[in-house]
Structures are given as structure tokens and as C-alpha cells.
Amino acid sequence: MGGFFVDLHDLHRAADAMQRVGGELADTPALRYPILLRSVGHPELAEALSDFGNGSRQAVSALRARIEEAANRARLALDEYHAVDTAIDDSFAGTGRTDTGPSAPNLS
């Protein structure tokens, strides 16, 4: 029989890891340590540092959003795979067959 196999535990761990990394990005130096522009002493350097800081914050925010989206998609896929496995198991219930394949793990 053709097809593929999805390890639901690995998919769950991947979603958790993405969620954790996205949260850790909030503690990046670009966000935690703002540049005190008044202490720079040179207007052009202050402007360049301000631009750099703003760009860094925007980049980190965009990266966090993409990671969050990937984590959410992984969780949606996990829910769908679990629903399909449950439906398959339910369809074989009462038929006397035991070859329903690997059952979906309890991830709650």
C-alpha cells in the first residue's frame, strides 16, 4: 500500500518548538536593549542607529509572525491528521478488523 506516514508526536513537538522559539525572539537584544539616542552625541550616527534599531525590531516582529503562522499550521495539520485517524479507527470499529494501522496518540 502506498502513501506516507506522519509521526504525530514529532509534529506536535515541532509545533511546540516553533512556539517556544517565537516566544524567545521577544528577548532578543534588538528588542530588549533600545539604543539611547540622546547619549550617542552625533546626529547622523543617532539617525543611523535609530534606523538600525527600527529595522531590527521590524525584522524580528516579521520573523515572529512567520514562526507563529508555521506553528499554527502545524497544529492545524495535527488536528486534521488526528481527525482522519480517528475516523478511520471509527470506521473499522465493529468490523472485527484489527489492521487499522497506528492509532493517533493522545496529545491532550
PDB file of N, CA and C in Angstrom:
ATOM      1  N   MET A   1       0.846  -1.178   0.000  1.00  0.00           N
ATOM      2  CA  MET A   1       0.000   0.000   0.000  1.00  0.00           C
ATOM      3  C   MET A   1       0.887   1.236   0.000  1.00  0.00           C
ATOM      4  N   GLY A   2       0.629   2.174  -0.881  1.00  0.00           N
ATOM      5  CA  GLY A   2       1.407   3.401  -0.972  1.00  0.00           C
ATOM      6  C   GLY A   2       0.965   4.425   0.052  1.00  0.00           C
ATOM      7  N   GLY A   3       1.606   5.552   0.020  1.00  0.00           N
ATOM      8  CA  GLY A   3       1.220   6.621   0.921  1.00  0.00           C
ATOM      9  C   GLY A   3       2.400   7.103   1.736  1.00  0.00           C
ATOM     10  N   PHE A   4       2.098   7.694   2.835  1.00  0.00           N
ATOM     11  CA  PHE A   4       3.137   8.219   3.699  1.00  0.00           C
ATOM     12  C   PHE A   4       2.692   8.111   5.144  1.00  0.00           C
ATOM     13  N   PHE A   5       3.600   8.330   6.024  1.00  0.00           N
ATOM     14  CA  PHE A   5       3.338   8.247   7.456  1.00  0.00           C
ATOM     15  C   PHE A   5       3.718   9.565   8.106  1.00  0.00           C
ATOM     16  N   VAL A   6       2.871  10.052   8.968  1.00  0.00           N
ATOM     17  CA  VAL A   6       3.148  11.265   9.725  1.00  0.00           C
ATOM     18  C   VAL A   6       3.249  10.884  11.186  1.00  0.00           C
ATOM     19  N   ASP A   7       4.397  11.167  11.781  1.00  0.00           N
ATOM     20  CA  ASP A   7       4.571  10.913  13.214  1.00  0.00           C
ATOM     21  C   ASP A   7       3.935  12.075  13.961  1.00  0.00           C
ATOM     22  N   LEU A   8       2.782  11.823  14.548  1.00  0.00           N
ATOM     23  CA  LEU A   8       2.027  12.890  15.190  1.00  0.00           C
ATOM     24  C   LEU A   8       2.759  13.459  16.407  1.00  0.00           C
ATOM     25  N   HIS A   9       3.506  12.607  17.085  1.00  0.00           N
ATOM     26  CA  HIS A   9       4.286  13.107  18.230  1.00  0.00           C
ATOM     27  C   HIS A   9       5.363  14.086  17.752  1.00  0.00           C
ATOM     28  N   ASP A  10       6.030  13.755  16.655  1.00  0.00           N
ATOM     29  CA  ASP A  10       7.052  14.660  16.115  1.00  0.00           C
ATOM     30  C   ASP A  10       6.434  15.966  15.626  1.00  0.00           C
ATOM     31  N   LEU A  11       5.288  15.887  15.001  1.00  0.00           N
ATOM     32  CA  LEU A  11       4.609  17.088  14.533  1.00  0.00           C
ATOM     33  C   LEU A  11       4.211  17.968  15.717  1.00  0.00           C
ATOM     34  N   HIS A  12       3.737  17.349  16.778  1.00  0.00           N
ATOM     35  CA  HIS A  12       3.373  18.084  17.990  1.00  0.00           C
ATOM     36  C   HIS A  12       4.604  18.748  18.599  1.00  0.00           C
ATOM     37  N   ARG A  13       5.710  18.004  18.687  1.00  0.00           N
ATOM     38  CA  ARG A  13       6.952  18.572  19.235  1.00  0.00           C
ATOM     39  C   ARG A  13       7.462  19.718  18.364  1.00  0.00           C
ATOM     40  N   ALA A  14       7.339  19.587  17.059  1.00  0.00           N
ATOM     41  CA  ALA A  14       7.783  20.651  16.152  1.00  0.00           C
ATOM     42  C   ALA A  14       6.953  21.919  16.365  1.00  0.00           C
ATOM     43  N   ALA A  15       5.651  21.767  16.504  1.00  0.00           N
ATOM     44  CA  ALA A  15       4.789  22.931  16.749  1.00  0.00           C
ATOM     45  C   ALA A  15       5.154  23.595  18.072  1.00  0.00           C
ATOM     46  N   ASP A  16       5.398  22.782  19.101  1.00  0.00           N
ATOM     47  CA  ASP A  16       5.800  23.336  20.403  1.00  0.00           C
ATOM     48  C   ASP A  16       7.133  24.066  20.299  1.00  0.00           C
ATOM     49  N   ALA A  17       8.070  23.478  19.568  1.00  0.00           N
ATOM     50  CA  ALA A  17       9.399  24.097  19.426  1.00  0.00           C
ATOM     51  C   ALA A  17       9.294  25.427  18.685  1.00  0.00           C
ATOM     52  N   MET A  18       8.476  25.464  17.639  1.00  0.00           N
ATOM     53  CA  MET A  18       8.300  26.725  16.910  1.00  0.00           C
ATOM     54  C   MET A  18       7.681  27.783  17.819  1.00  0.00           C
ATOM     55  N   GLN A  19       6.695  27.375  18.601  1.00  0.00           N
ATOM     56  CA  GLN A  19       6.056  28.310  19.527  1.00  0.00           C
ATOM     57  C   GLN A  19       7.075  28.844  20.535  1.00  0.00           C
ATOM     58  N   ARG A  20       7.926  27.968  21.047  1.00  0.00           N
ATOM     59  CA  ARG A  20       8.944  28.367  22.027  1.00  0.00           C
ATOM     60  C   ARG A  20       9.958  29.337  21.411  1.00  0.00           C
ATOM     61  N   VAL A  21      10.431  29.031  20.216  1.00  0.00           N
ATOM     62  CA  VAL A  21      11.409  29.890  19.552  1.00  0.00           C
ATOM     63  C   VAL A  21      10.797  31.256  19.254  1.00  0.00           C
ATOM     64  N   GLY A  22       9.556  31.272  18.809  1.00  0.00           N
ATOM     65  CA  GLY A  22       8.890  32.548  18.560  1.00  0.00           C
ATOM     66  C   GLY A  22       8.806  33.392  19.815  1.00  0.00           C
ATOM     67  N   GLY A  23       8.532  32.759  20.940  1.00  0.00           N
ATOM     68  CA  GLY A  23       8.485  33.479  22.200  1.00  0.00           C
ATOM     69  C   GLY A  23       9.847  33.968  22.643  1.00  0.00           C
ATOM     70  N   GLU A  24      10.879  33.166  22.384  1.00  0.00           N
ATOM     71  CA  GLU A  24      12.235  33.554  22.768  1.00  0.00           C
ATOM     72  C   GLU A  24      12.724  34.757  21.970  1.00  0.00           C
ATOM     73  N   LEU A  25      12.196  34.939  20.774  1.00  0.00           N
ATOM     74  CA  LEU A  25      12.612  36.084  19.963  1.00  0.00           C
ATOM     75  C   LEU A  25      12.241  37.416  20.626  1.00  0.00           C
ATOM     76  N   ALA A  26      11.257  37.369  21.511  1.00  0.00           N
ATOM     77  CA  ALA A  26      10.875  38.603  22.207  1.00  0.00           C
ATOM     78  C   ALA A  26      12.004  39.090  23.111  1.00  0.00           C
ATOM     79  N   ASP A  27      12.925  38.203  23.458  1.00  0.00           N
ATOM     80  CA  ASP A  27      14.044  38.566  24.334  1.00  0.00           C
ATOM     81  C   ASP A  27      15.325  38.866  23.567  1.00  0.00           C
ATOM     82  N   THR A  28      15.240  39.049  22.269  1.00  0.00           N
ATOM     83  CA  THR A  28      16.445  39.361  21.506  1.00  0.00           C
ATOM     84  C   THR A  28      16.961  40.744  21.892  1.00  0.00           C
ATOM     85  N   PRO A  29      18.261  40.928  21.837  1.00  0.00           N
ATOM     86  CA  PRO A  29      18.828  42.244  22.194  1.00  0.00           C
ATOM     87  C   PRO A  29      18.215  43.395  21.412  1.00  0.00           C
ATOM     88  N   ALA A  30      17.833  43.160  20.171  1.00  0.00           N
ATOM     89  CA  ALA A  30      17.236  44.235  19.362  1.00  0.00           C
ATOM     90  C   ALA A  30      15.969  44.777  20.003  1.00  0.00           C
ATOM     91  N   LEU A  31      15.269  43.935  20.750  1.00  0.00           N
ATOM     92  CA  LEU A  31      14.036  44.375  21.399  1.00  0.00           C
ATOM     93  C   LEU A  31      14.244  44.724  22.871  1.00  0.00           C
ATOM     94  N   ARG A  32      15.155  44.049  23.522  1.00  0.00           N
ATOM     95  CA  ARG A  32      15.345  44.249  24.959  1.00  0.00           C
ATOM     96  C   ARG A  32      16.159  45.484  25.304  1.00  0.00           C
ATOM     97  N   TYR A  33      17.090  45.847  24.452  1.00  0.00           N
ATOM     98  CA  TYR A  33      18.007  46.938  24.779  1.00  0.00           C
ATOM     99  C   TYR A  33      17.909  48.056  23.748  1.00  0.00           C
ATOM    100  N   PRO A  34      16.974  48.952  23.943  1.00  0.00           N
ATOM    101  CA  PRO A  34      16.867  50.058  22.988  1.00  0.00           C
ATOM    102  C   PRO A  34      18.088  50.969  23.082  1.00  0.00           C
ATOM    103  N   ILE A  35      18.433  51.547  21.965  1.00  0.00           N
ATOM    104  CA  ILE A  35      19.580  52.452  21.908  1.00  0.00           C
ATOM    105  C   ILE A  35      19.144  53.809  22.450  1.00  0.00           C
ATOM    106  N   LEU A  36      19.889  54.326  23.404  1.00  0.00           N
ATOM    107  CA  LEU A  36      19.593  55.647  23.963  1.00  0.00           C
ATOM    108  C   LEU A  36      20.222  56.694  23.057  1.00  0.00           C
ATOM    109  N   LEU A  37      19.430  57.162  22.117  1.00  0.00           N
ATOM    110  CA  LEU A  37      19.942  58.045  21.067  1.00  0.00           C
ATOM    111  C   LEU A  37      20.502  59.361  21.621  1.00  0.00           C
ATOM    112  N   ARG A  38      19.964  59.840  22.701  1.00  0.00           N
ATOM    113  CA  ARG A  38      20.466  61.113  23.248  1.00  0.00           C
ATOM    114  C   ARG A  38      21.887  60.977  23.796  1.00  0.00           C
ATOM    115  N   SER A  39      22.310  59.729  24.050  1.00  0.00           N
ATOM    116  CA  SER A  39      23.662  59.539  24.574  1.00  0.00           C
ATOM    117  C   SER A  39      24.701  59.313  23.471  1.00  0.00           C
ATOM    118  N   VAL A  40      24.273  59.258  22.212  1.00  0.00           N
ATOM    119  CA  VAL A  40      25.194  58.996  21.105  1.00  0.00           C
ATOM    120  C   VAL A  40      26.095  60.199  20.855  1.00  0.00           C
ATOM    121  N   GLY A  41      25.524  61.376  20.815  1.00  0.00           N
ATOM    122  CA  GLY A  41      26.335  62.582  20.674  1.00  0.00           C
ATOM    123  C   GLY A  41      26.555  63.065  19.259  1.00  0.00           C
ATOM    124  N   HIS A  42      26.134  62.338  18.273  1.00  0.00           N
ATOM    125  CA  HIS A  42      26.303  62.763  16.883  1.00  0.00           C
ATOM    126  C   HIS A  42      24.992  62.502  16.161  1.00  0.00           C
ATOM    127  N   PRO A  43      24.389  63.532  15.566  1.00  0.00           N
ATOM    128  CA  PRO A  43      23.054  63.370  14.972  1.00  0.00           C
ATOM    129  C   PRO A  43      22.983  62.340  13.847  1.00  0.00           C
ATOM    130  N   GLU A  44      23.993  62.279  12.989  1.00  0.00           N
ATOM    131  CA  GLU A  44      23.951  61.310  11.883  1.00  0.00           C
ATOM    132  C   GLU A  44      24.094  59.888  12.408  1.00  0.00           C
ATOM    133  N   LEU A  45      24.959  59.694  13.396  1.00  0.00           N
ATOM    134  CA  LEU A  45      25.104  58.364  13.994  1.00  0.00           C
ATOM    135  C   LEU A  45      23.819  57.978  14.721  1.00  0.00           C
ATOM    136  N   ALA A  46      23.232  58.937  15.425  1.00  0.00           N
ATOM    137  CA  ALA A  46      21.971  58.670  16.122  1.00  0.00           C
ATOM    138  C   ALA A  46      20.887  58.251  15.135  1.00  0.00           C
ATOM    139  N   GLU A  47      20.823  58.929  13.997  1.00  0.00           N
ATOM    140  CA  GLU A  47      19.822  58.582  12.984  1.00  0.00           C
ATOM    141  C   GLU A  47      20.079  57.190  12.414  1.00  0.00           C
ATOM    142  N   ALA A  48      21.346  56.886  12.142  1.00  0.00           N
ATOM    143  CA  ALA A  48      21.689  55.563  11.608  1.00  0.00           C
ATOM    144  C   ALA A  48      21.365  54.465  12.625  1.00  0.00           C
ATOM    145  N   LEU A  49      21.673  54.711  13.895  1.00  0.00           N
ATOM    146  CA  LEU A  49      21.364  53.729  14.938  1.00  0.00           C
ATOM    147  C   LEU A  49      19.853  53.577  15.120  1.00  0.00           C
ATOM    148  N   SER A  50      19.146  54.680  15.002  1.00  0.00           N
ATOM    149  CA  SER A  50      17.695  54.625  15.097  1.00  0.00           C
ATOM    150  C   SER A  50      17.119  53.790  13.953  1.00  0.00           C
ATOM    151  N   ASP A  51      17.606  54.024  12.746  1.00  0.00           N
ATOM    152  CA  ASP A  51      17.162  53.239  11.587  1.00  0.00           C
ATOM    153  C   ASP A  51      17.474  51.759  11.774  1.00  0.00           C
ATOM    154  N   PHE A  52      18.672  51.480  12.277  1.00  0.00           N
ATOM    155  CA  PHE A  52      19.072  50.093  12.516  1.00  0.00           C
ATOM    156  C   PHE A  52      18.152  49.453  13.554  1.00  0.00           C
ATOM    157  N   GLY A  53      17.894  50.161  14.649  1.00  0.00           N
ATOM    158  CA  GLY A  53      17.020  49.629  15.693  1.00  0.00           C
ATOM    159  C   GLY A  53      15.611  49.373  15.190  1.00  0.00           C
ATOM    160  N   ASN A  54      15.082  50.328  14.428  1.00  0.00           N
ATOM    161  CA  ASN A  54      13.738  50.156  13.868  1.00  0.00           C
ATOM    162  C   ASN A  54      13.682  48.976  12.903  1.00  0.00           C
ATOM    163  N   GLY A  55      14.702  48.877  12.055  1.00  0.00           N
ATOM    164  CA  GLY A  55      14.753  47.750  11.116  1.00  0.00           C
ATOM    165  C   GLY A  55      14.869  46.418  11.835  1.00  0.00           C
ATOM    166  N   SER A  56      15.666  46.380  12.882  1.00  0.00           N
ATOM    167  CA  SER A  56      15.815  45.141  13.661  1.00  0.00           C
ATOM    168  C   SER A  56      14.498  44.742  14.301  1.00  0.00           C
ATOM    169  N   ARG A  57      13.813  45.698  14.897  1.00  0.00           N
ATOM    170  CA  ARG A  57      12.524  45.396  15.532  1.00  0.00           C
ATOM    171  C   ARG A  57      11.507  44.907  14.502  1.00  0.00           C
ATOM    172  N   GLN A  58      11.490  45.541  13.335  1.00  0.00           N
ATOM    173  CA  GLN A  58      10.556  45.107  12.289  1.00  0.00           C
ATOM    174  C   GLN A  58      10.887  43.700  11.805  1.00  0.00           C
ATOM    175  N   ALA A  59      12.183  43.431  11.638  1.00  0.00           N
ATOM    176  CA  ALA A  59      12.594  42.102  11.166  1.00  0.00           C
ATOM    177  C   ALA A  59      12.238  41.024  12.179  1.00  0.00           C
ATOM    178  N   VAL A  60      12.494  41.294  13.454  1.00  0.00           N
ATOM    179  CA  VAL A  60      12.169  40.321  14.497  1.00  0.00           C
ATOM    180  C   VAL A  60      10.658  40.113  14.573  1.00  0.00           C
ATOM    181  N   SER A  61       9.897  41.183  14.475  1.00  0.00           N
ATOM    182  CA  SER A  61       8.435  41.065  14.507  1.00  0.00           C
ATOM    183  C   SER A  61       7.929  40.235  13.329  1.00  0.00           C
ATOM    184  N   ALA A  62       8.475  40.478  12.146  1.00  0.00           N
ATOM    185  CA  ALA A  62       8.070  39.709  10.964  1.00  0.00           C
ATOM    186  C   ALA A  62       8.452  38.240  11.116  1.00  0.00           C
ATOM    187  N   LEU A  63       9.638  37.986  11.632  1.00  0.00           N
ATOM    188  CA  LEU A  63      10.076  36.601  11.840  1.00  0.00           C
ATOM    189  C   LEU A  63       9.191  35.900  12.859  1.00  0.00           C
ATOM    190  N   ARG A  64       8.881  36.594  13.943  1.00  0.00           N
ATOM    191  CA  ARG A  64       7.986  36.009  14.950  1.00  0.00           C
ATOM    192  C   ARG A  64       6.628  35.684  14.345  1.00  0.00           C
ATOM    193  N   ALA A  65       6.107  36.565  13.505  1.00  0.00           N
ATOM    194  CA  ALA A  65       4.809  36.326  12.872  1.00  0.00           C
ATOM    195  C   ALA A  65       4.863  35.094  11.973  1.00  0.00           C
ATOM    196  N   ARG A  66       5.946  34.937  11.222  1.00  0.00           N
ATOM    197  CA  ARG A  66       6.070  33.771  10.332  1.00  0.00           C
ATOM    198  C   ARG A  66       6.205  32.479  11.125  1.00  0.00           C
ATOM    199  N   ILE A  67       6.959  32.541  12.222  1.00  0.00           N
ATOM    200  CA  ILE A  67       7.111  31.357  13.070  1.00  0.00           C
ATOM    201  C   ILE A  67       5.776  30.991  13.706  1.00  0.00           C
ATOM    202  N   GLU A  68       5.057  31.992  14.183  1.00  0.00           N
ATOM    203  CA  GLU A  68       3.740  31.756  14.788  1.00  0.00           C
ATOM    204  C   GLU A  68       2.788  31.133  13.765  1.00  0.00           C
ATOM    205  N   GLU A  69       2.826  31.638  12.533  1.00  0.00           N
ATOM    206  CA  GLU A  69       1.983  31.075  11.477  1.00  0.00           C
ATOM    207  C   GLU A  69       2.353  29.616  11.198  1.00  0.00           C
ATOM    208  N   ALA A  70       3.642  29.325  11.142  1.00  0.00           N
ATOM    209  CA  ALA A  70       4.079  27.945  10.906  1.00  0.00           C
ATOM    210  C   ALA A  70       3.644  27.032  12.041  1.00  0.00           C
ATOM    211  N   ALA A  71       3.768  27.502  13.276  1.00  0.00           N
ATOM    212  CA  ALA A  71       3.334  26.705  14.430  1.00  0.00           C
ATOM    213  C   ALA A  71       1.832  26.449  14.369  1.00  0.00           C
ATOM    214  N   ASN A  72       1.068  27.478  14.033  1.00  0.00           N
ATOM    215  CA  ASN A  72      -0.384  27.313  13.923  1.00  0.00           C
ATOM    216  C   ASN A  72      -0.758  26.338  12.819  1.00  0.00           C
ATOM    217  N   ARG A  73      -0.053  26.414  11.693  1.00  0.00           N
ATOM    218  CA  ARG A  73      -0.326  25.479  10.590  1.00  0.00           C
ATOM    219  C   ARG A  73       0.026  24.046  10.987  1.00  0.00           C
ATOM    220  N   ALA A  74       1.113  23.883  11.717  1.00  0.00           N
ATOM    221  CA  ALA A  74       1.482  22.547  12.189  1.00  0.00           C
ATOM    222  C   ALA A  74       0.404  22.004  13.127  1.00  0.00           C
ATOM    223  N   ARG A  75      -0.127  22.862  13.996  1.00  0.00           N
ATOM    224  CA  ARG A  75      -1.190  22.425  14.904  1.00  0.00           C
ATOM    225  C   ARG A  75      -2.481  22.099  14.147  1.00  0.00           C
ATOM    226  N   LEU A  76      -2.795  22.880  13.117  1.00  0.00           N
ATOM    227  CA  LEU A  76      -3.964  22.560  12.294  1.00  0.00           C
ATOM    228  C   LEU A  76      -3.782  21.225  11.570  1.00  0.00           C
ATOM    229  N   ALA A  77      -2.586  21.007  11.049  1.00  0.00           N
ATOM    230  CA  ALA A  77      -2.310  19.723  10.387  1.00  0.00           C
ATOM    231  C   ALA A  77      -2.427  18.579  11.387  1.00  0.00           C
ATOM    232  N   LEU A  78      -1.907  18.792  12.570  1.00  0.00           N
ATOM    233  CA  LEU A  78      -2.002  17.770  13.618  1.00  0.00           C
ATOM    234  C   LEU A  78      -3.459  17.441  13.917  1.00  0.00           C
ATOM    235  N   ASP A  79      -4.282  18.473  14.041  1.00  0.00           N
ATOM    236  CA  ASP A  79      -5.711  18.246  14.288  1.00  0.00           C
ATOM    237  C   ASP A  79      -6.354  17.460  13.150  1.00  0.00           C
ATOM    238  N   GLU A  80      -5.991  17.797  11.904  1.00  0.00           N
ATOM    239  CA  GLU A  80      -6.567  17.096  10.753  1.00  0.00           C
ATOM    240  C   GLU A  80      -6.125  15.633  10.706  1.00  0.00           C
ATOM    241  N   TYR A  81      -4.831  15.395  10.914  1.00  0.00           N
ATOM    242  CA  TYR A  81      -4.353  14.011  10.919  1.00  0.00           C
ATOM    243  C   TYR A  81      -5.020  13.209  12.030  1.00  0.00           C
ATOM    244  N   HIS A  82      -5.159  13.825  13.185  1.00  0.00           N
ATOM    245  CA  HIS A  82      -5.809  13.142  14.305  1.00  0.00           C
ATOM    246  C   HIS A  82      -7.263  12.826  13.956  1.00  0.00           C
ATOM    247  N   ALA A  83      -7.969  13.778  13.330  1.00  0.00           N
ATOM    248  CA  ALA A  83      -9.364  13.556  12.945  1.00  0.00           C
ATOM    249  C   ALA A  83      -9.479  12.421  11.921  1.00  0.00           C
ATOM    250  N   VAL A  84      -8.561  12.393  10.964  1.00  0.00           N
ATOM    251  CA  VAL A  84      -8.586  11.326   9.955  1.00  0.00           C
ATOM    252  C   VAL A  84      -8.312   9.977  10.610  1.00  0.00           C
ATOM    253  N   ASP A  85      -7.296   9.899  11.471  1.00  0.00           N
ATOM    254  CA  ASP A  85      -7.001   8.639  12.158  1.00  0.00           C
ATOM    255  C   ASP A  85      -8.190   8.174  12.997  1.00  0.00           C
ATOM    256  N   THR A  86      -8.838   9.117  13.669  1.00  0.00           N
ATOM    257  CA  THR A  86      -9.997   8.765  14.483  1.00  0.00           C
ATOM    258  C   THR A  86     -11.136   8.256  13.604  1.00  0.00           C
ATOM    259  N   ALA A  87     -11.366   8.918  12.479  1.00  0.00           N
ATOM    260  CA  ALA A  87     -12.422   8.483  11.559  1.00  0.00           C
ATOM    261  C   ALA A  87     -12.127   7.095  11.000  1.00  0.00           C
ATOM    262  N   ILE A  88     -10.881   6.837  10.677  1.00  0.00           N
ATOM    263  CA  ILE A  88     -10.511   5.507  10.173  1.00  0.00           C
ATOM    264  C   ILE A  88     -10.725   4.465  11.248  1.00  0.00           C
ATOM    265  N   ASP A  89     -10.247   4.767  12.464  1.00  0.00           N
ATOM    266  CA  ASP A  89     -10.448   3.824  13.573  1.00  0.00           C
ATOM    267  C   ASP A  89     -11.932   3.576  13.815  1.00  0.00           C
ATOM    268  N   ASP A  90     -12.734   4.640  13.773  1.00  0.00           N
ATOM    269  CA  ASP A  90     -14.177   4.504  13.982  1.00  0.00           C
ATOM    270  C   ASP A  90     -14.822   3.677  12.878  1.00  0.00           C
ATOM    271  N   SER A  91     -14.325   3.826  11.641  1.00  0.00           N
ATOM    272  CA  SER A  91     -14.924   3.077  10.532  1.00  0.00           C
ATOM    273  C   SER A  91     -14.645   1.585  10.653  1.00  0.00           C
ATOM    274  N   PHE A  92     -13.541   1.223  11.300  1.00  0.00           N
ATOM    275  CA  PHE A  92     -13.220  -0.186  11.485  1.00  0.00           C
ATOM    276  C   PHE A  92     -13.825  -0.755  12.764  1.00  0.00           C
ATOM    277  N   ALA A  93     -14.324   0.089  13.629  1.00  0.00           N
ATOM    278  CA  ALA A  93     -14.923  -0.390  14.870  1.00  0.00           C
ATOM    279  C   ALA A  93     -16.131  -1.258  14.540  1.00  0.00           C
ATOM    280  N   GLY A  94     -16.174  -2.395  15.141  1.00  0.00           N
ATOM    281  CA  GLY A  94     -17.308  -3.287  14.932  1.00  0.00           C
ATOM    282  C   GLY A  94     -17.177  -4.190  13.731  1.00  0.00           C
ATOM    283  N   THR A  95     -16.117  -4.039  12.925  1.00  0.00           N
ATOM    284  CA  THR A  95     -15.971  -4.901  11.755  1.00  0.00           C
ATOM    285  C   THR A  95     -15.167  -6.145  12.090  1.00  0.00           C
ATOM    286  N   GLY A  96     -14.563  -6.150  13.266  1.00  0.00           N
ATOM    287  CA  GLY A  96     -13.735  -7.284  13.644  1.00  0.00           C
ATOM    288  C   GLY A  96     -12.322  -7.175  13.130  1.00  0.00           C
ATOM    289  N   ARG A  97     -12.042  -6.158  12.305  1.00  0.00           N
ATOM    290  CA  ARG A  97     -10.684  -5.975  11.776  1.00  0.00           C
ATOM    291  C   ARG A  97      -9.828  -5.284  12.815  1.00  0.00           C
ATOM    292  N   THR A  98      -8.574  -5.656  12.835  1.00  0.00           N
ATOM    293  CA  THR A  98      -7.637  -5.039  13.777  1.00  0.00           C
ATOM    294  C   THR A  98      -6.468  -4.382  13.063  1.00  0.00           C
ATOM    295  N   ASP A  99      -6.489  -4.355  11.734  1.00  0.00           N
ATOM    296  CA  ASP A  99      -5.366  -3.809  10.963  1.00  0.00           C
ATOM    297  C   ASP A  99      -5.621  -2.345  10.590  1.00  0.00           C
ATOM    298  N   THR A 100      -6.029  -1.543  11.540  1.00  0.00           N
ATOM    299  CA  THR A 100      -6.341  -0.146  11.264  1.00  0.00           C
ATOM    300  C   THR A 100      -5.112   0.729  11.250  1.00  0.00           C
ATOM    301  N   GLY A 101      -3.950   0.167  11.483  1.00  0.00           N
ATOM    302  CA  GLY A 101      -2.726   0.956  11.458  1.00  0.00           C
ATOM    303  C   GLY A 101      -2.494   1.629  12.791  1.00  0.00           C
ATOM    304  N   PRO A 102      -1.472   2.461  12.813  1.00  0.00           N
ATOM    305  CA  PRO A 102      -1.149   3.110  14.081  1.00  0.00           C
ATOM    306  C   PRO A 102      -2.253   4.082  14.480  1.00  0.00           C
ATOM    307  N   SER A 103      -2.635   3.995  15.707  1.00  0.00           N
ATOM    308  CA  SER A 103      -3.669   4.922  16.167  1.00  0.00           C
ATOM    309  C   SER A 103      -3.033   6.257  16.529  1.00  0.00           C
ATOM    310  N   ALA A 104      -3.819   7.275  16.502  1.00  0.00           N
ATOM    311  CA  ALA A 104      -3.333   8.616  16.808  1.00  0.00           C
ATOM    312  C   ALA A 104      -3.015   8.711  18.294  1.00  0.00           C
ATOM    313  N   PRO A 105      -1.920   9.352  18.623  1.00  0.00           N
ATOM    314  CA  PRO A 105      -1.572   9.481  20.036  1.00  0.00           C
ATOM    315  C   PRO A 105      -2.508  10.460  20.730  1.00  0.00           C
ATOM    316  N   ASN A 106      -2.645  10.279  22.023  1.00  0.00           N
ATOM    317  CA  ASN A 106      -3.421  11.227  22.822  1.00  0.00           C
ATOM    318  C   ASN A 106      -2.514  12.390  23.144  1.00  0.00           C
ATOM    319  N   LEU A 107      -2.751  13.545  22.512  1.00  0.00           N
ATOM    320  CA  LEU A 107      -1.882  14.708  22.677  1.00  0.00           C
ATOM    321  C   LEU A 107      -2.468  15.776  23.581  1.00  0.00           C
ATOM    322  N   SER A 108      -3.597  15.471  24.183  1.00  0.00           N
ATOM    323  CA  SER A 108      -4.192  16.483  25.046  1.00  0.00           C
ATOM    324  C   SER A 108      -3.604  16.463  26.428  1.00  0.00           C
TER     325      SER A 108
END
